C-alpha atoms as a PDB file:
ATOM      1  CA  MET A   1     -14.193 -15.517  -7.160  1.00  0.00           C
ATOM      2  CA  ASN A   2     -17.352 -14.255  -5.551  1.00  0.00           C
ATOM      3  CA  ARG A   3     -19.877 -16.122  -3.412  1.00  0.00           C
ATOM      4  CA  GLY A   4     -23.464 -15.671  -2.393  1.00  0.00           C
ATOM      5  CA  ALA A   5     -24.096 -14.474   1.160  1.00  0.00           C
ATOM      6  CA  LYS A   6     -24.043 -17.394   3.621  1.00  0.00           C
ATOM      7  CA  GLY A   7     -23.414 -19.785   0.738  1.00  0.00           C
ATOM      8  CA  GLN A   8     -26.742 -18.970  -0.877  1.00  0.00           C
ATOM      9  CA  ASN A   9     -27.177 -19.385  -4.606  1.00  0.00           C
ATOM     10  CA  VAL A  10     -26.666 -16.385  -6.831  1.00  0.00           C
ATOM     11  CA  PHE A  11     -27.575 -18.183 -10.066  1.00  0.00           C
ATOM     12  CA  PHE A  12     -30.959 -19.888 -10.055  1.00  0.00           C
ATOM     13  CA  ASN A  13     -31.440 -20.525 -13.773  1.00  0.00           C
ATOM     14  CA  VAL A  14     -29.785 -20.229 -17.165  1.00  0.00           C
ATOM     15  CA  ASP A  15     -31.314 -16.795 -17.814  1.00  0.00           C
ATOM     16  CA  GLN A  16     -29.558 -15.416 -14.746  1.00  0.00           C
ATOM     17  CA  CYS A  17     -26.241 -16.916 -15.865  1.00  0.00           C
ATOM     18  CA  ASP A  18     -26.775 -15.297 -19.255  1.00  0.00           C
ATOM     19  CA  ARG A  19     -27.493 -11.930 -17.616  1.00  0.00           C
ATOM     20  CA  PHE A  20     -24.305 -12.216 -15.548  1.00  0.00           C
ATOM     21  CA  LEU A  21     -22.282 -13.043 -18.658  1.00  0.00           C
ATOM     22  CA  ASP A  22     -23.841 -10.092 -20.511  1.00  0.00           C
ATOM     23  CA  LEU A  23     -22.825  -7.770 -17.682  1.00  0.00           C
ATOM     24  CA  PHE A  24     -19.373  -9.319 -17.552  1.00  0.00           C
ATOM     25  CA  GLY A  25     -19.050  -8.785 -21.319  1.00  0.00           C
ATOM     26  CA  GLN A  26     -19.974  -5.132 -20.851  1.00  0.00           C
ATOM     27  CA  ALA A  27     -17.279  -4.787 -18.195  1.00  0.00           C
ATOM     28  CA  VAL A  28     -14.719  -6.464 -20.469  1.00  0.00           C
ATOM     29  CA  SER A  29     -15.429  -3.876 -23.173  1.00  0.00           C
ATOM     30  CA  ARG A  30     -15.794  -0.909 -20.854  1.00  0.00           C
ATOM     31  CA  TYR A  31     -12.730  -1.546 -18.677  1.00  0.00           C
ATOM     32  CA  GLY A  32     -10.392  -3.321 -21.096  1.00  0.00           C
ATOM     33  CA  ILE A  33     -10.271  -6.645 -19.245  1.00  0.00           C
ATOM     34  CA  ARG A  34      -8.681  -9.730 -20.794  1.00  0.00           C
ATOM     35  CA  VAL A  35     -10.507 -12.978 -20.016  1.00  0.00           C
ATOM     36  CA  HIS A  36      -8.451 -16.147 -19.741  1.00  0.00           C
ATOM     37  CA  GLY A  37     -11.176 -18.345 -18.243  1.00  0.00           C
ATOM     38  CA  PHE A  38     -14.237 -18.471 -16.023  1.00  0.00           C
ATOM     39  CA  ALA A  39     -16.556 -20.885 -14.260  1.00  0.00           C
ATOM     40  CA  ILE A  40     -20.082 -20.316 -12.970  1.00  0.00           C
ATOM     41  CA  MET A  41     -21.558 -22.472 -10.204  1.00  0.00           C
ATOM     42  CA  PRO A  42     -24.956 -21.988  -8.532  1.00  0.00           C
ATOM     43  CA  ASN A  43     -23.545 -20.165  -5.479  1.00  0.00           C
ATOM     44  CA  HIS A  44     -20.369 -18.542  -6.823  1.00  0.00           C
ATOM     45  CA  PHE A  45     -18.162 -17.844  -9.805  1.00  0.00           C
ATOM     46  CA  HIS A  46     -14.475 -17.869 -10.643  1.00  0.00           C
ATOM     47  CA  LEU A  47     -12.831 -15.544 -13.134  1.00  0.00           C
ATOM     48  CA  LEU A  48      -9.332 -15.727 -14.533  1.00  0.00           C
ATOM     49  CA  VAL A  49      -8.874 -12.227 -15.882  1.00  0.00           C
ATOM     50  CA  GLU A  50      -6.191  -9.634 -16.472  1.00  0.00           C
ATOM     51  CA  SER A  51      -6.596  -5.906 -16.103  1.00  0.00           C
ATOM     52  CA  VAL A  52      -4.640  -4.129 -18.823  1.00  0.00           C
ATOM     53  CA  GLU A  53      -5.478  -0.685 -17.461  1.00  0.00           C
ATOM     54  CA  GLY A  54      -5.223  -1.507 -13.749  1.00  0.00           C
ATOM     55  CA  ASN A  55      -8.927  -1.058 -13.075  1.00  0.00           C
ATOM     56  CA  LEU A  56     -10.033  -4.594 -12.257  1.00  0.00           C
ATOM     57  CA  GLY A  57     -11.664  -3.476  -9.016  1.00  0.00           C
ATOM     58  CA  GLN A  58     -13.854  -0.985 -10.849  1.00  0.00           C
ATOM     59  CA  ALA A  59     -14.825  -3.592 -13.430  1.00  0.00           C
ATOM     60  CA  MET A  60     -15.839  -6.140 -10.806  1.00  0.00           C
ATOM     61  CA  LYS A  61     -17.678  -3.536  -8.776  1.00  0.00           C
ATOM     62  CA  TYR A  62     -19.681  -2.729 -11.904  1.00  0.00           C
ATOM     63  CA  VAL A  63     -20.511  -6.399 -12.617  1.00  0.00           C
ATOM     64  CA  CYS A  64     -21.382  -7.305  -9.020  1.00  0.00           C
ATOM     65  CA  PHE A  65     -23.443  -4.197  -8.376  1.00  0.00           C
ATOM     66  CA  GLN A  66     -25.402  -4.510 -11.628  1.00  0.00           C
ATOM     67  CA  TYR A  67     -25.987  -8.241 -11.185  1.00  0.00           C
ATOM     68  CA  GLY A  68     -26.977  -7.800  -7.540  1.00  0.00           C
ATOM     69  CA  PHE A  69     -29.468  -5.141  -8.543  1.00  0.00           C
ATOM     70  CA  TYR A  70     -30.850  -7.401 -11.281  1.00  0.00           C
ATOM     71  CA  LEU A  71     -31.017 -10.446  -9.011  1.00  0.00           C
ATOM     72  CA  ASN A  72     -32.753  -8.625  -6.177  1.00  0.00           C
ATOM     73  CA  ARG A  73     -35.294  -7.151  -8.566  1.00  0.00           C
ATOM     74  CA  ALA A  74     -35.865 -10.574 -10.145  1.00  0.00           C
ATOM     75  CA  GLN A  75     -36.340 -12.227  -6.752  1.00  0.00           C
ATOM     76  CA  TYR A  76     -38.480  -9.367  -5.370  1.00  0.00           C
ATOM     77  CA  LYS A  77     -36.176  -9.000  -2.412  1.00  0.00           C
ATOM     78  CA  PRO A  78     -35.414  -5.423  -1.467  1.00  0.00           C
ATOM     79  CA  VAL A  79     -31.770  -4.804  -0.652  1.00  0.00           C
ATOM     80  CA  SER A  80     -30.133  -1.972   1.158  1.00  0.00           C
ATOM     81  CA  TYR A  81     -28.036   0.295  -1.042  1.00  0.00           C
ATOM     82  CA  LEU A  82     -25.517   0.553   1.798  1.00  0.00           C
ATOM     83  CA  SER A  83     -25.074  -3.216   1.972  1.00  0.00           C
ATOM     84  CA  LEU A  84     -24.386  -3.320  -1.779  1.00  0.00           C
ATOM     85  CA  VAL A  85     -21.884  -0.478  -1.533  1.00  0.00           C
ATOM     86  CA  SER A  86     -20.177  -2.122   1.429  1.00  0.00           C
ATOM     87  CA  ALA A  87     -19.880  -5.430  -0.426  1.00  0.00           C
ATOM     88  CA  ALA A  88     -18.584  -3.664  -3.535  1.00  0.00           C
ATOM     89  CA  HIS A  89     -15.920  -1.856  -1.498  1.00  0.00           C
ATOM     90  CA  ARG A  90     -14.800  -5.119   0.117  1.00  0.00           C
ATOM     91  CA  LEU A  91     -14.614  -6.772  -3.279  1.00  0.00           C
ATOM     92  CA  THR A  92     -12.679  -3.850  -4.739  1.00  0.00           C
ATOM     93  CA  ASP A  93     -10.165  -3.940  -1.888  1.00  0.00           C
ATOM     94  CA  ARG A  94      -9.684  -7.687  -2.285  1.00  0.00           C
ATOM     95  CA  LEU A  95      -9.286  -7.445  -6.057  1.00  0.00           C
ATOM     96  CA  GLU A  96      -6.705  -4.683  -5.677  1.00  0.00           C
ATOM     97  CA  GLN A  97      -4.745  -6.923  -3.288  1.00  0.00           C
ATOM     98  CA  ILE A  98      -4.895  -9.776  -5.783  1.00  0.00           C
ATOM     99  CA  GLU A  99      -3.833  -7.489  -8.612  1.00  0.00           C
ATOM    100  CA  LYS A 100      -0.796  -6.294  -6.628  1.00  0.00           C
ATOM    101  CA  THR A 101       0.129  -9.886  -5.805  1.00  0.00           C
ATOM    102  CA  LEU A 102      -0.112 -10.901  -9.443  1.00  0.00           C
ATOM    103  CA  LYS A 103       1.987  -7.935 -10.584  1.00  0.00           C
ATOM    104  CA  THR A 104       4.616  -8.794  -7.972  1.00  0.00           C
ATOM    105  CA  ARG A 105       4.790 -12.398  -9.207  1.00  0.00           C
ATOM    106  CA  VAL A 106       5.089 -11.326 -12.851  1.00  0.00           C
ATOM    107  CA  LEU A 107       7.882  -8.858 -12.131  1.00  0.00           C
END
């Protein structure tokens, strides 16, 4: 799951949802992710995925960074590279924690 800052929307129209899904599809191919389900709401998304190669954090960093870049360009809002990197690192850390928890439950 990922949310917009301060509950703000991250999907404003169908084209943006399509762009997110395109990027997510690229990550699925590039990082070998298995998709079991997903949901997209205006201000966040949920993904039910499995990382076969143990690189879920990298995959999500790719999707979130690329979509953030696209969204900021589309909305004409400049964004600090450092704020994107910081958010990507936080997301990666959280996804790694979730991955460890899921592996523990499966074992």
